[in-house]
């Protein structure tokens, strides 16, 4: 694994696919994966509205500096 992950920038599409692949890997590895993640995994691939949800979430993350720290403490 690259120790300096900040060197690589991702497009919105690449980041969305990376999130999908991460969930895909989790669902495949777990013998009894969380139902919510299984549904998210299915929706990310089959529901075009998820792209709009994704871009809205990216906008939120980029525009709200305090959200960057807050999500770590939930």
PDB file of N, CA and C in Angstrom:
ATOM      1  N   UNK A   1       0.843  -1.185   0.000  1.00  0.00           N
ATOM      2  CA  UNK A   1       0.000   0.000   0.000  1.00  0.00           C
ATOM      3  C   UNK A   1       0.877   1.234   0.000  1.00  0.00           C
ATOM      4  N   UNK A   2       0.510   2.221  -0.795  1.00  0.00           N
ATOM      5  CA  UNK A   2       1.253   3.465  -0.884  1.00  0.00           C
ATOM      6  C   UNK A   2       1.118   4.217   0.435  1.00  0.00           C
ATOM      7  N   UNK A   3       2.252   4.579   1.034  1.00  0.00           N
ATOM      8  CA  UNK A   3       2.210   5.236   2.337  1.00  0.00           C
ATOM      9  C   UNK A   3       1.802   6.698   2.239  1.00  0.00           C
ATOM     10  N   UNK A   4       1.903   7.298   1.060  1.00  0.00           N
ATOM     11  CA  UNK A   4       1.512   8.696   0.899  1.00  0.00           C
ATOM     12  C   UNK A   4       0.317   8.783  -0.040  1.00  0.00           C
ATOM     13  N   UNK A   5      -0.861   8.511   0.497  1.00  0.00           N
ATOM     14  CA  UNK A   5      -2.071   8.477  -0.308  1.00  0.00           C
ATOM     15  C   UNK A   5      -2.473   9.835  -0.843  1.00  0.00           C
ATOM     16  N   UNK A   6      -1.888  10.905  -0.322  1.00  0.00           N
ATOM     17  CA  UNK A   6      -2.247  12.241  -0.786  1.00  0.00           C
ATOM     18  C   UNK A   6      -1.695  12.540  -2.171  1.00  0.00           C
ATOM     19  N   UNK A   7      -0.809  11.708  -2.684  1.00  0.00           N
ATOM     20  CA  UNK A   7      -0.244  11.952  -4.002  1.00  0.00           C
ATOM     21  C   UNK A   7      -1.256  11.732  -5.116  1.00  0.00           C
ATOM     22  N   UNK A   8      -2.235  10.901  -4.880  1.00  0.00           N
ATOM     23  CA  UNK A   8      -3.202  10.557  -5.915  1.00  0.00           C
ATOM     24  C   UNK A   8      -4.500  11.328  -5.710  1.00  0.00           C
ATOM     25  N   UNK A   9      -4.966  11.973  -6.757  1.00  0.00           N
ATOM     26  CA  UNK A   9      -6.278  12.616  -6.727  1.00  0.00           C
ATOM     27  C   UNK A   9      -7.245  11.754  -7.522  1.00  0.00           C
ATOM     28  N   UNK A  10      -8.470  11.710  -7.073  1.00  0.00           N
ATOM     29  CA  UNK A  10      -9.487  10.923  -7.754  1.00  0.00           C
ATOM     30  C   UNK A  10     -10.567  11.832  -8.317  1.00  0.00           C
ATOM     31  N   UNK A  11     -11.119  11.435  -9.445  1.00  0.00           N
ATOM     32  CA  UNK A  11     -12.302  12.114  -9.952  1.00  0.00           C
ATOM     33  C   UNK A  11     -13.493  11.663  -9.106  1.00  0.00           C
ATOM     34  N   UNK A  12     -14.617  12.347  -9.253  1.00  0.00           N
ATOM     35  CA  UNK A  12     -15.825  11.924  -8.533  1.00  0.00           C
ATOM     36  C   UNK A  12     -16.202  10.494  -8.906  1.00  0.00           C
ATOM     37  N   UNK A  13     -16.102  10.175 -10.179  1.00  0.00           N
ATOM     38  CA  UNK A  13     -16.444   8.833 -10.637  1.00  0.00           C
ATOM     39  C   UNK A  13     -15.500   7.786 -10.048  1.00  0.00           C
ATOM     40  N   UNK A  14     -14.207   8.059 -10.047  1.00  0.00           N
ATOM     41  CA  UNK A  14     -13.234   7.121  -9.484  1.00  0.00           C
ATOM     42  C   UNK A  14     -13.457   6.920  -7.990  1.00  0.00           C
ATOM     43  N   UNK A  15     -13.760   7.997  -7.279  1.00  0.00           N
ATOM     44  CA  UNK A  15     -14.008   7.893  -5.840  1.00  0.00           C
ATOM     45  C   UNK A  15     -15.288   7.099  -5.563  1.00  0.00           C
ATOM     46  N   UNK A  16     -16.313   7.306  -6.381  1.00  0.00           N
ATOM     47  CA  UNK A  16     -17.559   6.554  -6.239  1.00  0.00           C
ATOM     48  C   UNK A  16     -17.295   5.069  -6.450  1.00  0.00           C
ATOM     49  N   UNK A  17     -16.529   4.742  -7.499  1.00  0.00           N
ATOM     50  CA  UNK A  17     -16.202   3.339  -7.758  1.00  0.00           C
ATOM     51  C   UNK A  17     -15.350   2.756  -6.638  1.00  0.00           C
ATOM     52  N   UNK A  18     -14.434   3.554  -6.086  1.00  0.00           N
ATOM     53  CA  UNK A  18     -13.610   3.076  -4.969  1.00  0.00           C
ATOM     54  C   UNK A  18     -14.488   2.750  -3.759  1.00  0.00           C
ATOM     55  N   UNK A  19     -15.452   3.609  -3.472  1.00  0.00           N
ATOM     56  CA  UNK A  19     -16.373   3.346  -2.358  1.00  0.00           C
ATOM     57  C   UNK A  19     -17.175   2.072  -2.631  1.00  0.00           C
ATOM     58  N   UNK A  20     -17.634   1.925  -3.864  1.00  0.00           N
ATOM     59  CA  UNK A  20     -18.375   0.715  -4.235  1.00  0.00           C
ATOM     60  C   UNK A  20     -17.503  -0.527  -4.053  1.00  0.00           C
ATOM     61  N   UNK A  21     -16.259  -0.464  -4.527  1.00  0.00           N
ATOM     62  CA  UNK A  21     -15.362  -1.614  -4.421  1.00  0.00           C
ATOM     63  C   UNK A  21     -15.056  -1.955  -2.961  1.00  0.00           C
ATOM     64  N   UNK A  22     -14.958  -0.936  -2.121  1.00  0.00           N
ATOM     65  CA  UNK A  22     -14.709  -1.188  -0.706  1.00  0.00           C
ATOM     66  C   UNK A  22     -15.893  -1.928  -0.080  1.00  0.00           C
ATOM     67  N   UNK A  23     -17.103  -1.470  -0.383  1.00  0.00           N
ATOM     68  CA  UNK A  23     -18.299  -2.139   0.132  1.00  0.00           C
ATOM     69  C   UNK A  23     -18.416  -3.539  -0.468  1.00  0.00           C
ATOM     70  N   UNK A  24     -18.117  -3.664  -1.758  1.00  0.00           N
ATOM     71  CA  UNK A  24     -18.151  -4.957  -2.433  1.00  0.00           C
ATOM     72  C   UNK A  24     -17.211  -5.948  -1.751  1.00  0.00           C
ATOM     73  N   UNK A  25     -16.025  -5.493  -1.421  1.00  0.00           N
ATOM     74  CA  UNK A  25     -15.041  -6.347  -0.755  1.00  0.00           C
ATOM     75  C   UNK A  25     -15.548  -6.776   0.624  1.00  0.00           C
ATOM     76  N   UNK A  26     -16.103  -5.832   1.377  1.00  0.00           N
ATOM     77  CA  UNK A  26     -16.624  -6.147   2.707  1.00  0.00           C
ATOM     78  C   UNK A  26     -17.750  -7.179   2.623  1.00  0.00           C
ATOM     79  N   UNK A  27     -18.702  -6.939   1.715  1.00  0.00           N
ATOM     80  CA  UNK A  27     -19.845  -7.843   1.570  1.00  0.00           C
ATOM     81  C   UNK A  27     -19.370  -9.243   1.174  1.00  0.00           C
ATOM     82  N   UNK A  28     -18.364  -9.321   0.315  1.00  0.00           N
ATOM     83  CA  UNK A  28     -17.850 -10.620  -0.133  1.00  0.00           C
ATOM     84  C   UNK A  28     -17.103 -11.359   0.981  1.00  0.00           C
ATOM     85  N   UNK A  29     -16.418 -10.624   1.846  1.00  0.00           N
ATOM     86  CA  UNK A  29     -15.595 -11.255   2.880  1.00  0.00           C
ATOM     87  C   UNK A  29     -16.376 -11.690   4.113  1.00  0.00           C
ATOM     88  N   UNK A  30     -17.414 -10.945   4.448  1.00  0.00           N
ATOM     89  CA  UNK A  30     -18.168 -11.233   5.667  1.00  0.00           C
ATOM     90  C   UNK A  30     -19.146 -12.378   5.444  1.00  0.00           C
ATOM     91  N   UNK A  31     -19.209 -13.279   6.395  1.00  0.00           N
ATOM     92  CA  UNK A  31     -20.157 -14.389   6.268  1.00  0.00           C
ATOM     93  C   UNK A  31     -21.591 -13.925   6.491  1.00  0.00           C
ATOM     94  N   UNK A  32     -21.744 -12.856   7.257  1.00  0.00           N
ATOM     95  CA  UNK A  32     -23.072 -12.321   7.521  1.00  0.00           C
ATOM     96  C   UNK A  32     -22.992 -10.792   7.520  1.00  0.00           C
ATOM     97  N   UNK A  33     -22.857 -10.194   6.327  1.00  0.00           N
ATOM     98  CA  UNK A  33     -22.679  -8.741   6.266  1.00  0.00           C
ATOM     99  C   UNK A  33     -23.929  -7.985   6.717  1.00  0.00           C
ATOM    100  N   UNK A  34     -23.713  -6.794   7.197  1.00  0.00           N
ATOM    101  CA  UNK A  34     -24.788  -5.915   7.637  1.00  0.00           C
ATOM    102  C   UNK A  34     -25.769  -5.678   6.483  1.00  0.00           C
ATOM    103  N   UNK A  35     -27.051  -5.807   6.765  1.00  0.00           N
ATOM    104  CA  UNK A  35     -28.085  -5.661   5.744  1.00  0.00           C
ATOM    105  C   UNK A  35     -28.026  -4.277   5.092  1.00  0.00           C
ATOM    106  N   UNK A  36     -27.772  -3.253   5.895  1.00  0.00           N
ATOM    107  CA  UNK A  36     -27.689  -1.904   5.347  1.00  0.00           C
ATOM    108  C   UNK A  36     -26.592  -1.766   4.308  1.00  0.00           C
ATOM    109  N   UNK A  37     -25.451  -2.387   4.563  1.00  0.00           N
ATOM    110  CA  UNK A  37     -24.362  -2.337   3.584  1.00  0.00           C
ATOM    111  C   UNK A  37     -24.689  -3.144   2.338  1.00  0.00           C
ATOM    112  N   UNK A  38     -25.360  -4.260   2.507  1.00  0.00           N
ATOM    113  CA  UNK A  38     -25.764  -5.057   1.348  1.00  0.00           C
ATOM    114  C   UNK A  38     -26.710  -4.242   0.469  1.00  0.00           C
ATOM    115  N   UNK A  39     -27.670  -3.567   1.097  1.00  0.00           N
ATOM    116  CA  UNK A  39     -28.603  -2.731   0.335  1.00  0.00           C
ATOM    117  C   UNK A  39     -27.886  -1.560  -0.330  1.00  0.00           C
ATOM    118  N   UNK A  40     -26.981  -0.905   0.398  1.00  0.00           N
ATOM    119  CA  UNK A  40     -26.213   0.192  -0.190  1.00  0.00           C
ATOM    120  C   UNK A  40     -25.417  -0.313  -1.387  1.00  0.00           C
ATOM    121  N   UNK A  41     -24.810  -1.461  -1.246  1.00  0.00           N
ATOM    122  CA  UNK A  41     -24.043  -2.084  -2.330  1.00  0.00           C
ATOM    123  C   UNK A  41     -24.928  -2.263  -3.565  1.00  0.00           C
ATOM    124  N   UNK A  42     -26.131  -2.764  -3.376  1.00  0.00           N
ATOM    125  CA  UNK A  42     -27.060  -2.971  -4.495  1.00  0.00           C
ATOM    126  C   UNK A  42     -27.516  -1.643  -5.090  1.00  0.00           C
ATOM    127  N   UNK A  43     -27.855  -0.686  -4.237  1.00  0.00           N
ATOM    128  CA  UNK A  43     -28.344   0.603  -4.720  1.00  0.00           C
ATOM    129  C   UNK A  43     -27.279   1.393  -5.460  1.00  0.00           C
ATOM    130  N   UNK A  44     -26.037   1.306  -4.984  1.00  0.00           N
ATOM    131  CA  UNK A  44     -24.964   2.061  -5.651  1.00  0.00           C
ATOM    132  C   UNK A  44     -24.802   1.620  -7.104  1.00  0.00           C
ATOM    133  N   UNK A  45     -25.100   0.377  -7.362  1.00  0.00           N
ATOM    134  CA  UNK A  45     -24.935  -0.139  -8.715  1.00  0.00           C
ATOM    135  C   UNK A  45     -26.202   0.016  -9.556  1.00  0.00           C
ATOM    136  N   UNK A  46     -27.367  -0.048  -8.929  1.00  0.00           N
ATOM    137  CA  UNK A  46     -28.601  -0.133  -9.709  1.00  0.00           C
ATOM    138  C   UNK A  46     -29.469   1.121  -9.709  1.00  0.00           C
ATOM    139  N   UNK A  47     -29.244   2.028  -8.792  1.00  0.00           N
ATOM    140  CA  UNK A  47     -30.122   3.190  -8.669  1.00  0.00           C
ATOM    141  C   UNK A  47     -29.393   4.453  -9.107  1.00  0.00           C
ATOM    142  N   UNK A  48     -29.774   5.026 -10.259  1.00  0.00           N
ATOM    143  CA  UNK A  48     -29.090   6.227 -10.755  1.00  0.00           C
ATOM    144  C   UNK A  48     -29.148   7.412  -9.787  1.00  0.00           C
ATOM    145  N   UNK A  49     -30.133   7.441  -8.900  1.00  0.00           N
ATOM    146  CA  UNK A  49     -30.236   8.537  -7.933  1.00  0.00           C
ATOM    147  C   UNK A  49     -29.072   8.534  -6.956  1.00  0.00           C
ATOM    148  N   UNK A  50     -28.419   7.412  -6.795  1.00  0.00           N
ATOM    149  CA  UNK A  50     -27.270   7.340  -5.884  1.00  0.00           C
ATOM    150  C   UNK A  50     -26.139   8.242  -6.348  1.00  0.00           C
ATOM    151  N   UNK A  51     -26.007   8.446  -7.655  1.00  0.00           N
ATOM    152  CA  UNK A  51     -24.970   9.353  -8.147  1.00  0.00           C
ATOM    153  C   UNK A  51     -25.246  10.768  -7.640  1.00  0.00           C
ATOM    154  N   UNK A  52     -26.511  11.193  -7.681  1.00  0.00           N
ATOM    155  CA  UNK A  52     -26.870  12.517  -7.168  1.00  0.00           C
ATOM    156  C   UNK A  52     -26.606  12.606  -5.668  1.00  0.00           C
ATOM    157  N   UNK A  53     -26.909  11.540  -4.940  1.00  0.00           N
ATOM    158  CA  UNK A  53     -26.618  11.500  -3.505  1.00  0.00           C
ATOM    159  C   UNK A  53     -25.112  11.622  -3.270  1.00  0.00           C
ATOM    160  N   UNK A  54     -24.338  10.931  -4.099  1.00  0.00           N
ATOM    161  CA  UNK A  54     -22.877  10.954  -3.983  1.00  0.00           C
ATOM    162  C   UNK A  54     -22.342  12.370  -4.215  1.00  0.00           C
ATOM    163  N   UNK A  55     -22.764  13.010  -5.302  1.00  0.00           N
ATOM    164  CA  UNK A  55     -22.237  14.346  -5.595  1.00  0.00           C
ATOM    165  C   UNK A  55     -22.661  15.351  -4.524  1.00  0.00           C
ATOM    166  N   UNK A  56     -23.868  15.199  -3.990  1.00  0.00           N
ATOM    167  CA  UNK A  56     -24.308  16.078  -2.902  1.00  0.00           C
ATOM    168  C   UNK A  56     -23.447  15.861  -1.659  1.00  0.00           C
ATOM    169  N   UNK A  57     -23.102  14.623  -1.379  1.00  0.00           N
ATOM    170  CA  UNK A  57     -22.251  14.322  -0.225  1.00  0.00           C
ATOM    171  C   UNK A  57     -20.848  14.884  -0.406  1.00  0.00           C
ATOM    172  N   UNK A  58     -20.324  14.799  -1.617  1.00  0.00           N
ATOM    173  CA  UNK A  58     -18.999  15.367  -1.896  1.00  0.00           C
ATOM    174  C   UNK A  58     -19.036  16.876  -1.716  1.00  0.00           C
ATOM    175  N   UNK A  59     -20.077  17.521  -2.246  1.00  0.00           N
ATOM    176  CA  UNK A  59     -20.203  18.977  -2.064  1.00  0.00           C
ATOM    177  C   UNK A  59     -20.252  19.330  -0.579  1.00  0.00           C
ATOM    178  N   UNK A  60     -20.991  18.548   0.178  1.00  0.00           N
ATOM    179  CA  UNK A  60     -21.108  18.794   1.624  1.00  0.00           C
ATOM    180  C   UNK A  60     -19.753  18.649   2.308  1.00  0.00           C
ATOM    181  N   UNK A  61     -19.026  17.612   1.962  1.00  0.00           N
ATOM    182  CA  UNK A  61     -17.711  17.388   2.571  1.00  0.00           C
ATOM    183  C   UNK A  61     -16.735  18.505   2.223  1.00  0.00           C
ATOM    184  N   UNK A  62     -16.800  18.996   1.003  1.00  0.00           N
ATOM    185  CA  UNK A  62     -15.873  20.045   0.576  1.00  0.00           C
ATOM    186  C   UNK A  62     -16.238  21.418   1.132  1.00  0.00           C
ATOM    187  N   UNK A  63     -17.521  21.651   1.380  1.00  0.00           N
ATOM    188  CA  UNK A  63     -17.944  22.984   1.801  1.00  0.00           C
ATOM    189  C   UNK A  63     -18.029  23.160   3.308  1.00  0.00           C
ATOM    190  N   UNK A  64     -18.013  22.079   4.057  1.00  0.00           N
ATOM    191  CA  UNK A  64     -18.221  22.165   5.491  1.00  0.00           C
ATOM    192  C   UNK A  64     -16.996  21.614   6.219  1.00  0.00           C
ATOM    193  N   UNK A  65     -16.078  22.488   6.563  1.00  0.00           N
ATOM    194  CA  UNK A  65     -14.826  22.072   7.202  1.00  0.00           C
ATOM    195  C   UNK A  65     -15.068  21.355   8.524  1.00  0.00           C
ATOM    196  N   UNK A  66     -16.047  21.804   9.311  1.00  0.00           N
ATOM    197  CA  UNK A  66     -16.287  21.155  10.599  1.00  0.00           C
ATOM    198  C   UNK A  66     -16.813  19.737  10.418  1.00  0.00           C
ATOM    199  N   UNK A  67     -17.502  19.478   9.311  1.00  0.00           N
ATOM    200  CA  UNK A  67     -18.003  18.127   9.053  1.00  0.00           C
ATOM    201  C   UNK A  67     -16.850  17.151   8.901  1.00  0.00           C
ATOM    202  N   UNK A  68     -15.723  17.644   8.425  1.00  0.00           N
ATOM    203  CA  UNK A  68     -14.543  16.793   8.251  1.00  0.00           C
ATOM    204  C   UNK A  68     -14.121  16.190   9.580  1.00  0.00           C
ATOM    205  N   UNK A  69     -14.150  16.950  10.635  1.00  0.00           N
ATOM    206  CA  UNK A  69     -13.762  16.462  11.954  1.00  0.00           C
ATOM    207  C   UNK A  69     -14.922  15.796  12.690  1.00  0.00           C
ATOM    208  N   UNK A  70     -16.136  16.299  12.496  1.00  0.00           N
ATOM    209  CA  UNK A  70     -17.291  15.777  13.228  1.00  0.00           C
ATOM    210  C   UNK A  70     -17.565  14.312  12.924  1.00  0.00           C
ATOM    211  N   UNK A  71     -17.431  13.899  11.688  1.00  0.00           N
ATOM    212  CA  UNK A  71     -17.777  12.522  11.339  1.00  0.00           C
ATOM    213  C   UNK A  71     -16.842  11.529  12.007  1.00  0.00           C
ATOM    214  N   UNK A  72     -15.661  11.968  12.378  1.00  0.00           N
ATOM    215  CA  UNK A  72     -14.718  11.080  13.046  1.00  0.00           C
ATOM    216  C   UNK A  72     -15.155  10.745  14.469  1.00  0.00           C
ATOM    217  N   UNK A  73     -15.999  11.588  15.040  1.00  0.00           N
ATOM    218  CA  UNK A  73     -16.373  11.441  16.446  1.00  0.00           C
ATOM    219  C   UNK A  73     -17.798  10.947  16.644  1.00  0.00           C
ATOM    220  N   UNK A  74     -18.488  10.593  15.573  1.00  0.00           N
ATOM    221  CA  UNK A  74     -19.867  10.087  15.699  1.00  0.00           C
ATOM    222  C   UNK A  74     -19.878   8.701  16.279  1.00  0.00           C
TER     223      UNK A  74
END
